[in-house]
Every structure is written in structure tokens, then in C-alpha cells.
């Protein structure tokens, strides 16, 4: 709920499918510059979860984005997701998109 602000009642927990997790680390270069001595930043394990949501049956999913965590989001069809996963240029964009946080 923290980043996307989705109410837990809107998507049942059993609807989520675990895909993978990744180690993410980023120095706070916005505050401290690009030097080696950045005392603060992010260092976390992030999980990639998939869920199918039927907006025709349930109505649009309501998001309340945390702007300090999310700079952009996109709903994609299954076909678009496959294109992004198998196109090296688009896949790279998806993998590095998380580093563009505010």
C-alpha cells in the first residue's frame, strides 16, 4: 500500500503472484552530490509481484501514489508486457526505471 496507495480491500492477497526479487541500492546523489562519500541512500530488497485486475468487472483501480516513491506508472496489456519483457531496449528501461525516484 505504501508506494501505490492501493487499498487492501481492492485486490485480494491471493491474487498476487511472486515473480522475483532484486537487490536495489542507490546513493542519495541529489542531496550529497556524485562523490564517493554519500552517507545516505537506499539499500533494499524489492519484490516483483503480478496481479490481474478486471477493471470492466470491478471498476478502475484507485491509486493514491506516494510521490516521494513513485515518479511514473503505467497499466499495460498482456501483449505490451510481453513486448517489454522480450525487447532488450524496453526491458532495460523497465529495469532502470526504479532508479529514477525523486
PDB file of N, CA and C in Angstrom:
ATOM      1  N   UNK A   1       0.816  -1.188   0.000  1.00  0.00           N
ATOM      2  CA  UNK A   1       0.000   0.000   0.000  1.00  0.00           C
ATOM      3  C   UNK A   1       0.864   1.258   0.000  1.00  0.00           C
ATOM      4  N   UNK A   2       2.058   1.189   0.513  1.00  0.00           N
ATOM      5  CA  UNK A   2       2.869   2.387   0.717  1.00  0.00           C
ATOM      6  C   UNK A   2       3.134   3.165  -0.579  1.00  0.00           C
ATOM      7  N   UNK A   3       3.697   2.524  -1.593  1.00  0.00           N
ATOM      8  CA  UNK A   3       4.070   3.250  -2.799  1.00  0.00           C
ATOM      9  C   UNK A   3       2.872   3.597  -3.681  1.00  0.00           C
ATOM     10  N   UNK A   4       2.010   2.627  -3.942  1.00  0.00           N
ATOM     11  CA  UNK A   4       0.899   2.828  -4.869  1.00  0.00           C
ATOM     12  C   UNK A   4      -0.381   3.301  -4.199  1.00  0.00           C
ATOM     13  N   UNK A   5      -0.468   3.110  -2.905  1.00  0.00           N
ATOM     14  CA  UNK A   5      -1.657   3.550  -2.189  1.00  0.00           C
ATOM     15  C   UNK A   5      -2.906   2.762  -2.528  1.00  0.00           C
ATOM     16  N   UNK A   6      -2.766   1.484  -2.850  1.00  0.00           N
ATOM     17  CA  UNK A   6      -3.922   0.644  -3.156  1.00  0.00           C
ATOM     18  C   UNK A   6      -4.514   0.144  -1.845  1.00  0.00           C
ATOM     19  N   UNK A   7      -5.815   0.284  -1.711  1.00  0.00           N
ATOM     20  CA  UNK A   7      -6.486  -0.238  -0.517  1.00  0.00           C
ATOM     21  C   UNK A   7      -6.448  -1.756  -0.539  1.00  0.00           C
ATOM     22  N   UNK A   8      -6.156  -2.353   0.588  1.00  0.00           N
ATOM     23  CA  UNK A   8      -6.028  -3.807   0.667  1.00  0.00           C
ATOM     24  C   UNK A   8      -7.342  -4.506   0.328  1.00  0.00           C
ATOM     25  N   UNK A   9      -8.456  -3.849   0.472  1.00  0.00           N
ATOM     26  CA  UNK A   9      -9.749  -4.445   0.139  1.00  0.00           C
ATOM     27  C   UNK A   9      -9.971  -4.526  -1.366  1.00  0.00           C
ATOM     28  N   UNK A  10      -9.242  -3.740  -2.157  1.00  0.00           N
ATOM     29  CA  UNK A  10      -9.490  -3.667  -3.598  1.00  0.00           C
ATOM     30  C   UNK A  10      -8.920  -4.850  -4.379  1.00  0.00           C
ATOM     31  N   UNK A  11      -7.849  -5.451  -3.894  1.00  0.00           N
ATOM     32  CA  UNK A  11      -7.243  -6.607  -4.577  1.00  0.00           C
ATOM     33  C   UNK A  11      -6.969  -7.672  -3.518  1.00  0.00           C
ATOM     34  N   UNK A  12      -7.588  -8.844  -3.679  1.00  0.00           N
ATOM     35  CA  UNK A  12      -7.342  -9.894  -2.694  1.00  0.00           C
ATOM     36  C   UNK A  12      -5.894 -10.357  -2.716  1.00  0.00           C
ATOM     37  N   UNK A  13      -5.357 -10.612  -1.545  1.00  0.00           N
ATOM     38  CA  UNK A  13      -3.967 -11.041  -1.406  1.00  0.00           C
ATOM     39  C   UNK A  13      -3.666 -12.273  -2.245  1.00  0.00           C
ATOM     40  N   UNK A  14      -4.592 -13.218  -2.319  1.00  0.00           N
ATOM     41  CA  UNK A  14      -4.350 -14.446  -3.077  1.00  0.00           C
ATOM     42  C   UNK A  14      -4.260 -14.197  -4.583  1.00  0.00           C
ATOM     43  N   UNK A  15      -4.614 -13.002  -5.048  1.00  0.00           N
ATOM     44  CA  UNK A  15      -4.493 -12.677  -6.464  1.00  0.00           C
ATOM     45  C   UNK A  15      -3.071 -12.373  -6.902  1.00  0.00           C
ATOM     46  N   UNK A  16      -2.179 -12.093  -5.965  1.00  0.00           N
ATOM     47  CA  UNK A  16      -0.805 -11.742  -6.297  1.00  0.00           C
ATOM     48  C   UNK A  16       0.028 -12.981  -6.590  1.00  0.00           C
ATOM     49  N   UNK A  17       0.909 -12.854  -7.570  1.00  0.00           N
ATOM     50  CA  UNK A  17       1.845 -13.924  -7.911  1.00  0.00           C
ATOM     51  C   UNK A  17       3.264 -13.365  -7.827  1.00  0.00           C
ATOM     52  N   UNK A  18       4.097 -14.054  -7.070  1.00  0.00           N
ATOM     53  CA  UNK A  18       5.505 -13.678  -6.928  1.00  0.00           C
ATOM     54  C   UNK A  18       6.240 -14.024  -8.220  1.00  0.00           C
ATOM     55  N   UNK A  19       7.001 -13.072  -8.765  1.00  0.00           N
ATOM     56  CA  UNK A  19       7.811 -13.333  -9.950  1.00  0.00           C
ATOM     57  C   UNK A  19       9.279 -13.466  -9.565  1.00  0.00           C
ATOM     58  N   UNK A  20       9.802 -12.456  -8.890  1.00  0.00           N
ATOM     59  CA  UNK A  20      11.206 -12.474  -8.486  1.00  0.00           C
ATOM     60  C   UNK A  20      11.441 -11.374  -7.459  1.00  0.00           C
ATOM     61  N   UNK A  21      12.646 -11.268  -7.019  1.00  0.00           N
ATOM     62  CA  UNK A  21      13.062 -10.158  -6.160  1.00  0.00           C
ATOM     63  C   UNK A  21      14.435  -9.713  -6.634  1.00  0.00           C
ATOM     64  N   UNK A  22      14.786  -8.474  -6.316  1.00  0.00           N
ATOM     65  CA  UNK A  22      16.104  -7.976  -6.704  1.00  0.00           C
ATOM     66  C   UNK A  22      16.658  -7.062  -5.623  1.00  0.00           C
ATOM     67  N   UNK A  23      17.961  -6.989  -5.606  1.00  0.00           N
ATOM     68  CA  UNK A  23      18.689  -6.147  -4.668  1.00  0.00           C
ATOM     69  C   UNK A  23      18.853  -4.778  -5.320  1.00  0.00           C
ATOM     70  N   UNK A  24      18.438  -3.746  -4.622  1.00  0.00           N
ATOM     71  CA  UNK A  24      18.470  -2.380  -5.149  1.00  0.00           C
ATOM     72  C   UNK A  24      19.270  -1.509  -4.188  1.00  0.00           C
ATOM     73  N   UNK A  25      20.179  -0.726  -4.749  1.00  0.00           N
ATOM     74  CA  UNK A  25      20.962   0.193  -3.945  1.00  0.00           C
ATOM     75  C   UNK A  25      21.168   1.466  -4.742  1.00  0.00           C
ATOM     76  N   UNK A  26      21.011   2.612  -4.098  1.00  0.00           N
ATOM     77  CA  UNK A  26      21.251   3.899  -4.757  1.00  0.00           C
ATOM     78  C   UNK A  26      21.696   4.910  -3.712  1.00  0.00           C
ATOM     79  N   UNK A  27      22.747   5.621  -4.020  1.00  0.00           N
ATOM     80  CA  UNK A  27      23.223   6.694  -3.146  1.00  0.00           C
ATOM     81  C   UNK A  27      22.344   7.926  -3.345  1.00  0.00           C
ATOM     82  N   UNK A  28      22.212   8.740  -2.318  1.00  0.00           N
ATOM     83  CA  UNK A  28      21.442   9.981  -2.408  1.00  0.00           C
ATOM     84  C   UNK A  28      22.320  11.072  -3.020  1.00  0.00           C
ATOM     85  N   UNK A  29      22.483  10.993  -4.335  1.00  0.00           N
ATOM     86  CA  UNK A  29      23.326  11.968  -5.027  1.00  0.00           C
ATOM     87  C   UNK A  29      22.622  13.310  -5.202  1.00  0.00           C
ATOM     88  N   UNK A  30      21.299  13.334  -5.049  1.00  0.00           N
ATOM     89  CA  UNK A  30      20.570  14.600  -5.150  1.00  0.00           C
ATOM     90  C   UNK A  30      20.972  15.514  -3.995  1.00  0.00           C
ATOM     91  N   UNK A  31      21.055  14.950  -2.798  1.00  0.00           N
ATOM     92  CA  UNK A  31      21.403  15.734  -1.616  1.00  0.00           C
ATOM     93  C   UNK A  31      22.911  15.912  -1.465  1.00  0.00           C
ATOM     94  N   UNK A  32      23.675  14.830  -1.724  1.00  0.00           N
ATOM     95  CA  UNK A  32      25.103  14.840  -1.392  1.00  0.00           C
ATOM     96  C   UNK A  32      26.035  14.918  -2.592  1.00  0.00           C
ATOM     97  N   UNK A  33      25.520  14.984  -3.798  1.00  0.00           N
ATOM     98  CA  UNK A  33      26.371  15.061  -4.980  1.00  0.00           C
ATOM     99  C   UNK A  33      26.859  13.685  -5.407  1.00  0.00           C
ATOM    100  N   UNK A  34      27.667  13.660  -6.448  1.00  0.00           N
ATOM    101  CA  UNK A  34      28.127  12.403  -7.034  1.00  0.00           C
ATOM    102  C   UNK A  34      29.411  11.872  -6.414  1.00  0.00           C
ATOM    103  N   UNK A  35      29.830  12.420  -5.320  1.00  0.00           N
ATOM    104  CA  UNK A  35      31.063  11.967  -4.681  1.00  0.00           C
ATOM    105  C   UNK A  35      30.924  10.593  -4.063  1.00  0.00           C
ATOM    106  N   UNK A  36      32.042  10.033  -3.666  1.00  0.00           N
ATOM    107  CA  UNK A  36      32.080   8.700  -3.069  1.00  0.00           C
ATOM    108  C   UNK A  36      31.440   8.692  -1.688  1.00  0.00           C
ATOM    109  N   UNK A  37      31.485   9.796  -0.990  1.00  0.00           N
ATOM    110  CA  UNK A  37      31.042   9.855   0.407  1.00  0.00           C
ATOM    111  C   UNK A  37      29.574  10.273   0.539  1.00  0.00           C
ATOM    112  N   UNK A  38      28.662   9.515  -0.016  1.00  0.00           N
ATOM    113  CA  UNK A  38      27.228   9.754   0.186  1.00  0.00           C
ATOM    114  C   UNK A  38      26.785   8.934   1.392  1.00  0.00           C
ATOM    115  N   UNK A  39      26.549   9.581   2.533  1.00  0.00           N
ATOM    116  CA  UNK A  39      26.228   8.815   3.737  1.00  0.00           C
ATOM    117  C   UNK A  39      24.831   8.208   3.739  1.00  0.00           C
ATOM    118  N   UNK A  40      23.938   8.694   2.888  1.00  0.00           N
ATOM    119  CA  UNK A  40      22.563   8.197   2.881  1.00  0.00           C
ATOM    120  C   UNK A  40      22.152   7.757   1.493  1.00  0.00           C
ATOM    121  N   UNK A  41      21.147   6.923   1.451  1.00  0.00           N
ATOM    122  CA  UNK A  41      20.604   6.440   0.191  1.00  0.00           C
ATOM    123  C   UNK A  41      19.598   5.343   0.474  1.00  0.00           C
ATOM    124  N   UNK A  42      19.417   4.476  -0.507  1.00  0.00           N
ATOM    125  CA  UNK A  42      18.503   3.347  -0.354  1.00  0.00           C
ATOM    126  C   UNK A  42      19.274   2.050  -0.540  1.00  0.00           C
ATOM    127  N   UNK A  43      18.919   1.066   0.222  1.00  0.00           N
ATOM    128  CA  UNK A  43      19.544  -0.254   0.125  1.00  0.00           C
ATOM    129  C   UNK A  43      18.471  -1.239   0.554  1.00  0.00           C
ATOM    130  N   UNK A  44      17.897  -1.948  -0.420  1.00  0.00           N
ATOM    131  CA  UNK A  44      16.734  -2.761  -0.087  1.00  0.00           C
ATOM    132  C   UNK A  44      16.601  -3.969  -1.003  1.00  0.00           C
ATOM    133  N   UNK A  45      15.776  -4.879  -0.599  1.00  0.00           N
ATOM    134  CA  UNK A  45      15.364  -5.997  -1.433  1.00  0.00           C
ATOM    135  C   UNK A  45      13.949  -5.669  -1.897  1.00  0.00           C
ATOM    136  N   UNK A  46      13.747  -5.613  -3.212  1.00  0.00           N
ATOM    137  CA  UNK A  46      12.441  -5.305  -3.779  1.00  0.00           C
ATOM    138  C   UNK A  46      11.856  -6.555  -4.421  1.00  0.00           C
ATOM    139  N   UNK A  47      10.554  -6.689  -4.299  1.00  0.00           N
ATOM    140  CA  UNK A  47       9.849  -7.846  -4.835  1.00  0.00           C
ATOM    141  C   UNK A  47       9.040  -7.431  -6.057  1.00  0.00           C
ATOM    142  N   UNK A  48       9.026  -8.286  -7.065  1.00  0.00           N
ATOM    143  CA  UNK A  48       8.212  -8.071  -8.253  1.00  0.00           C
ATOM    144  C   UNK A  48       7.026  -9.021  -8.151  1.00  0.00           C
ATOM    145  N   UNK A  49       5.846  -8.438  -8.058  1.00  0.00           N
ATOM    146  CA  UNK A  49       4.611  -9.201  -7.937  1.00  0.00           C
ATOM    147  C   UNK A  49       3.696  -8.849  -9.105  1.00  0.00           C
ATOM    148  N   UNK A  50       2.984  -9.834  -9.596  1.00  0.00           N
ATOM    149  CA  UNK A  50       2.000  -9.596 -10.647  1.00  0.00           C
ATOM    150  C   UNK A  50       0.620  -9.879 -10.093  1.00  0.00           C
ATOM    151  N   UNK A  51      -0.339  -9.095 -10.573  1.00  0.00           N
ATOM    152  CA  UNK A  51      -1.732  -9.334 -10.231  1.00  0.00           C
ATOM    153  C   UNK A  51      -2.580  -8.949 -11.439  1.00  0.00           C
ATOM    154  N   UNK A  52      -3.601  -9.729 -11.687  1.00  0.00           N
ATOM    155  CA  UNK A  52      -4.559  -9.400 -12.739  1.00  0.00           C
ATOM    156  C   UNK A  52      -5.743  -8.713 -12.081  1.00  0.00           C
ATOM    157  N   UNK A  53      -6.181  -7.634 -12.701  1.00  0.00           N
ATOM    158  CA  UNK A  53      -7.299  -6.872 -12.167  1.00  0.00           C
ATOM    159  C   UNK A  53      -8.284  -6.619 -13.300  1.00  0.00           C
ATOM    160  N   UNK A  54      -9.507  -6.989 -13.118  1.00  0.00           N
ATOM    161  CA  UNK A  54     -10.535  -6.833 -14.143  1.00  0.00           C
ATOM    162  C   UNK A  54     -11.285  -5.534 -13.897  1.00  0.00           C
ATOM    163  N   UNK A  55     -10.856  -4.471 -14.574  1.00  0.00           N
ATOM    164  CA  UNK A  55     -11.494  -3.176 -14.342  1.00  0.00           C
ATOM    165  C   UNK A  55     -12.882  -3.102 -14.963  1.00  0.00           C
ATOM    166  N   UNK A  56     -13.170  -3.959 -15.952  1.00  0.00           N
ATOM    167  CA  UNK A  56     -14.522  -3.969 -16.507  1.00  0.00           C
ATOM    168  C   UNK A  56     -15.523  -4.507 -15.481  1.00  0.00           C
ATOM    169  N   UNK A  57     -15.100  -5.473 -14.697  1.00  0.00           N
ATOM    170  CA  UNK A  57     -15.985  -6.051 -13.678  1.00  0.00           C
ATOM    171  C   UNK A  57     -15.934  -5.246 -12.375  1.00  0.00           C
ATOM    172  N   UNK A  58     -14.756  -4.782 -11.981  1.00  0.00           N
ATOM    173  CA  UNK A  58     -14.566  -4.149 -10.673  1.00  0.00           C
ATOM    174  C   UNK A  58     -14.485  -2.630 -10.706  1.00  0.00           C
ATOM    175  N   UNK A  59     -14.430  -2.040 -11.882  1.00  0.00           N
ATOM    176  CA  UNK A  59     -14.242  -0.602 -11.995  1.00  0.00           C
ATOM    177  C   UNK A  59     -12.761  -0.266 -11.953  1.00  0.00           C
ATOM    178  N   UNK A  60     -12.397   0.966 -12.272  1.00  0.00           N
ATOM    179  CA  UNK A  60     -10.979   1.340 -12.284  1.00  0.00           C
ATOM    180  C   UNK A  60     -10.339   1.164 -10.908  1.00  0.00           C
ATOM    181  N   UNK A  61      -9.108   0.666 -10.907  1.00  0.00           N
ATOM    182  CA  UNK A  61      -8.367   0.516  -9.657  1.00  0.00           C
ATOM    183  C   UNK A  61      -7.941   1.898  -9.173  1.00  0.00           C
ATOM    184  N   UNK A  62      -8.237   2.194  -7.930  1.00  0.00           N
ATOM    185  CA  UNK A  62      -7.907   3.511  -7.377  1.00  0.00           C
ATOM    186  C   UNK A  62      -6.502   3.490  -6.800  1.00  0.00           C
ATOM    187  N   UNK A  63      -5.671   4.412  -7.282  1.00  0.00           N
ATOM    188  CA  UNK A  63      -4.315   4.568  -6.779  1.00  0.00           C
ATOM    189  C   UNK A  63      -4.201   5.894  -6.041  1.00  0.00           C
ATOM    190  N   UNK A  64      -3.424   5.892  -5.001  1.00  0.00           N
ATOM    191  CA  UNK A  64      -3.081   7.107  -4.280  1.00  0.00           C
ATOM    192  C   UNK A  64      -1.560   7.116  -4.173  1.00  0.00           C
ATOM    193  N   UNK A  65      -0.900   7.489  -5.279  1.00  0.00           N
ATOM    194  CA  UNK A  65       0.549   7.367  -5.401  1.00  0.00           C
ATOM    195  C   UNK A  65       1.294   8.210  -4.373  1.00  0.00           C
ATOM    196  N   UNK A  66       2.298   7.610  -3.767  1.00  0.00           N
ATOM    197  CA  UNK A  66       3.209   8.323  -2.886  1.00  0.00           C
ATOM    198  C   UNK A  66       4.259   8.965  -3.793  1.00  0.00           C
ATOM    199  N   UNK A  67       4.182  10.262  -3.989  1.00  0.00           N
ATOM    200  CA  UNK A  67       5.042  10.957  -4.944  1.00  0.00           C
ATOM    201  C   UNK A  67       6.517  10.936  -4.567  1.00  0.00           C
ATOM    202  N   UNK A  68       6.839  10.632  -3.325  1.00  0.00           N
ATOM    203  CA  UNK A  68       8.243  10.504  -2.940  1.00  0.00           C
ATOM    204  C   UNK A  68       8.813   9.160  -3.339  1.00  0.00           C
ATOM    205  N   UNK A  69       7.943   8.209  -3.689  1.00  0.00           N
ATOM    206  CA  UNK A  69       8.374   6.866  -4.065  1.00  0.00           C
ATOM    207  C   UNK A  69       8.110   6.543  -5.531  1.00  0.00           C
ATOM    208  N   UNK A  70       7.087   7.141  -6.132  1.00  0.00           N
ATOM    209  CA  UNK A  70       6.674   6.790  -7.488  1.00  0.00           C
ATOM    210  C   UNK A  70       6.684   8.040  -8.360  1.00  0.00           C
ATOM    211  N   UNK A  71       7.489   8.020  -9.411  1.00  0.00           N
ATOM    212  CA  UNK A  71       7.511   9.162 -10.321  1.00  0.00           C
ATOM    213  C   UNK A  71       6.669   8.912 -11.562  1.00  0.00           C
ATOM    214  N   UNK A  72       6.337   7.634 -11.844  1.00  0.00           N
ATOM    215  CA  UNK A  72       5.553   7.309 -13.027  1.00  0.00           C
ATOM    216  C   UNK A  72       4.993   5.901 -12.863  1.00  0.00           C
ATOM    217  N   UNK A  73       3.921   5.618 -13.527  1.00  0.00           N
ATOM    218  CA  UNK A  73       3.366   4.270 -13.564  1.00  0.00           C
ATOM    219  C   UNK A  73       2.635   4.082 -14.887  1.00  0.00           C
ATOM    220  N   UNK A  74       2.394   2.838 -15.226  1.00  0.00           N
ATOM    221  CA  UNK A  74       1.729   2.551 -16.494  1.00  0.00           C
ATOM    222  C   UNK A  74       0.983   1.229 -16.378  1.00  0.00           C
ATOM    223  N   UNK A  75      -0.273   1.231 -16.798  1.00  0.00           N
ATOM    224  CA  UNK A  75      -1.023  -0.012 -16.929  1.00  0.00           C
ATOM    225  C   UNK A  75      -0.682  -0.590 -18.290  1.00  0.00           C
ATOM    226  N   UNK A  76      -0.455  -1.873 -18.357  1.00  0.00           N
ATOM    227  CA  UNK A  76      -0.113  -2.489 -19.635  1.00  0.00           C
ATOM    228  C   UNK A  76      -0.967  -3.729 -19.875  1.00  0.00           C
ATOM    229  N   UNK A  77      -1.252  -3.971 -21.144  1.00  0.00           N
ATOM    230  CA  UNK A  77      -1.937  -5.200 -21.531  1.00  0.00           C
ATOM    231  C   UNK A  77      -0.934  -6.343 -21.469  1.00  0.00           C
ATOM    232  N   UNK A  78      -1.430  -7.559 -21.533  1.00  0.00           N
ATOM    233  CA  UNK A  78      -0.545  -8.717 -21.533  1.00  0.00           C
ATOM    234  C   UNK A  78       0.398  -8.660 -22.730  1.00  0.00           C
ATOM    235  N   UNK A  79      -0.112  -8.264 -23.887  1.00  0.00           N
ATOM    236  CA  UNK A  79       0.726  -8.169 -25.082  1.00  0.00           C
ATOM    237  C   UNK A  79       1.834  -7.134 -24.887  1.00  0.00           C
ATOM    238  N   UNK A  80       1.493  -5.981 -24.349  1.00  0.00           N
ATOM    239  CA  UNK A  80       2.503  -4.922 -24.111  1.00  0.00           C
ATOM    240  C   UNK A  80       3.541  -5.392 -23.091  1.00  0.00           C
ATOM    241  N   UNK A  81       3.108  -6.101 -22.065  1.00  0.00           N
ATOM    242  CA  UNK A  81       4.042  -6.618 -21.078  1.00  0.00           C
ATOM    243  C   UNK A  81       5.035  -7.570 -21.728  1.00  0.00           C
ATOM    244  N   UNK A  82       4.542  -8.467 -22.581  1.00  0.00           N
ATOM    245  CA  UNK A  82       5.428  -9.397 -23.282  1.00  0.00           C
ATOM    246  C   UNK A  82       6.425  -8.649 -24.160  1.00  0.00           C
ATOM    247  N   UNK A  83       5.972  -7.611 -24.843  1.00  0.00           N
ATOM    248  CA  UNK A  83       6.874  -6.803 -25.674  1.00  0.00           C
ATOM    249  C   UNK A  83       7.971  -6.182 -24.821  1.00  0.00           C
ATOM    250  N   UNK A  84       7.598  -5.646 -23.675  1.00  0.00           N
ATOM    251  CA  UNK A  84       8.582  -5.005 -22.803  1.00  0.00           C
ATOM    252  C   UNK A  84       9.573  -6.017 -22.229  1.00  0.00           C
ATOM    253  N   UNK A  85       9.094  -7.210 -21.931  1.00  0.00           N
ATOM    254  CA  UNK A  85       9.974  -8.221 -21.349  1.00  0.00           C
ATOM    255  C   UNK A  85      10.951  -8.798 -22.358  1.00  0.00           C
ATOM    256  N   UNK A  86      10.561  -8.855 -23.629  1.00  0.00           N
ATOM    257  CA  UNK A  86      11.399  -9.515 -24.630  1.00  0.00           C
ATOM    258  C   UNK A  86      12.130  -8.557 -25.557  1.00  0.00           C
ATOM    259  N   UNK A  87      11.855  -7.277 -25.473  1.00  0.00           N
ATOM    260  CA  UNK A  87      12.577  -6.283 -26.271  1.00  0.00           C
ATOM    261  C   UNK A  87      13.695  -5.733 -25.390  1.00  0.00           C
ATOM    262  N   UNK A  88      14.977  -5.959 -25.755  1.00  0.00           N
ATOM    263  CA  UNK A  88      16.087  -5.531 -24.887  1.00  0.00           C
ATOM    264  C   UNK A  88      16.065  -4.043 -24.539  1.00  0.00           C
ATOM    265  N   UNK A  89      15.685  -3.192 -25.488  1.00  0.00           N
ATOM    266  CA  UNK A  89      15.652  -1.760 -25.193  1.00  0.00           C
ATOM    267  C   UNK A  89      14.569  -1.416 -24.178  1.00  0.00           C
ATOM    268  N   UNK A  90      13.396  -1.990 -24.344  1.00  0.00           N
ATOM    269  CA  UNK A  90      12.295  -1.716 -23.426  1.00  0.00           C
ATOM    270  C   UNK A  90      12.533  -2.381 -22.079  1.00  0.00           C
ATOM    271  N   UNK A  91      13.092  -3.571 -22.071  1.00  0.00           N
ATOM    272  CA  UNK A  91      13.378  -4.274 -20.820  1.00  0.00           C
ATOM    273  C   UNK A  91      14.368  -3.479 -19.984  1.00  0.00           C
ATOM    274  N   UNK A  92      15.379  -2.917 -20.623  1.00  0.00           N
ATOM    275  CA  UNK A  92      16.353  -2.108 -19.894  1.00  0.00           C
ATOM    276  C   UNK A  92      15.663  -0.906 -19.263  1.00  0.00           C
ATOM    277  N   UNK A  93      14.761  -0.273 -19.986  1.00  0.00           N
ATOM    278  CA  UNK A  93      14.033   0.872 -19.458  1.00  0.00           C
ATOM    279  C   UNK A  93      13.230   0.454 -18.223  1.00  0.00           C
ATOM    280  N   UNK A  94      12.584  -0.698 -18.292  1.00  0.00           N
ATOM    281  CA  UNK A  94      11.785  -1.153 -17.155  1.00  0.00           C
ATOM    282  C   UNK A  94      12.675  -1.460 -15.957  1.00  0.00           C
ATOM    283  N   UNK A  95      13.836  -2.048 -16.184  1.00  0.00           N
ATOM    284  CA  UNK A  95      14.722  -2.405 -15.082  1.00  0.00           C
ATOM    285  C   UNK A  95      15.327  -1.175 -14.427  1.00  0.00           C
ATOM    286  N   UNK A  96      15.641  -0.161 -15.212  1.00  0.00           N
ATOM    287  CA  UNK A  96      16.297   1.010 -14.650  1.00  0.00           C
ATOM    288  C   UNK A  96      15.304   2.091 -14.235  1.00  0.00           C
ATOM    289  N   UNK A  97      14.042   1.911 -14.570  1.00  0.00           N
ATOM    290  CA  UNK A  97      13.056   2.935 -14.252  1.00  0.00           C
ATOM    291  C   UNK A  97      12.981   3.210 -12.752  1.00  0.00           C
ATOM    292  N   UNK A  98      13.148   2.179 -11.939  1.00  0.00           N
ATOM    293  CA  UNK A  98      13.057   2.325 -10.488  1.00  0.00           C
ATOM    294  C   UNK A  98      14.124   3.255  -9.937  1.00  0.00           C
ATOM    295  N   UNK A  99      15.245   3.419 -10.629  1.00  0.00           N
ATOM    296  CA  UNK A  99      16.328   4.276 -10.135  1.00  0.00           C
ATOM    297  C   UNK A  99      16.022   5.745 -10.341  1.00  0.00           C
ATOM    298  N   UNK A 100      14.942   6.056 -11.035  1.00  0.00           N
ATOM    299  CA  UNK A 100      14.591   7.449 -11.301  1.00  0.00           C
ATOM    300  C   UNK A 100      13.659   8.037 -10.250  1.00  0.00           C
ATOM    301  N   UNK A 101      13.706   7.479  -9.056  1.00  0.00           N
ATOM    302  CA  UNK A 101      12.845   8.004  -7.978  1.00  0.00           C
ATOM    303  C   UNK A 101      13.256   9.411  -7.611  1.00  0.00           C
ATOM    304  N   UNK A 102      12.336  10.145  -7.019  1.00  0.00           N
ATOM    305  CA  UNK A 102      12.651  11.505  -6.554  1.00  0.00           C
ATOM    306  C   UNK A 102      13.492  11.444  -5.313  1.00  0.00           C
TER     307      UNK A 102
END
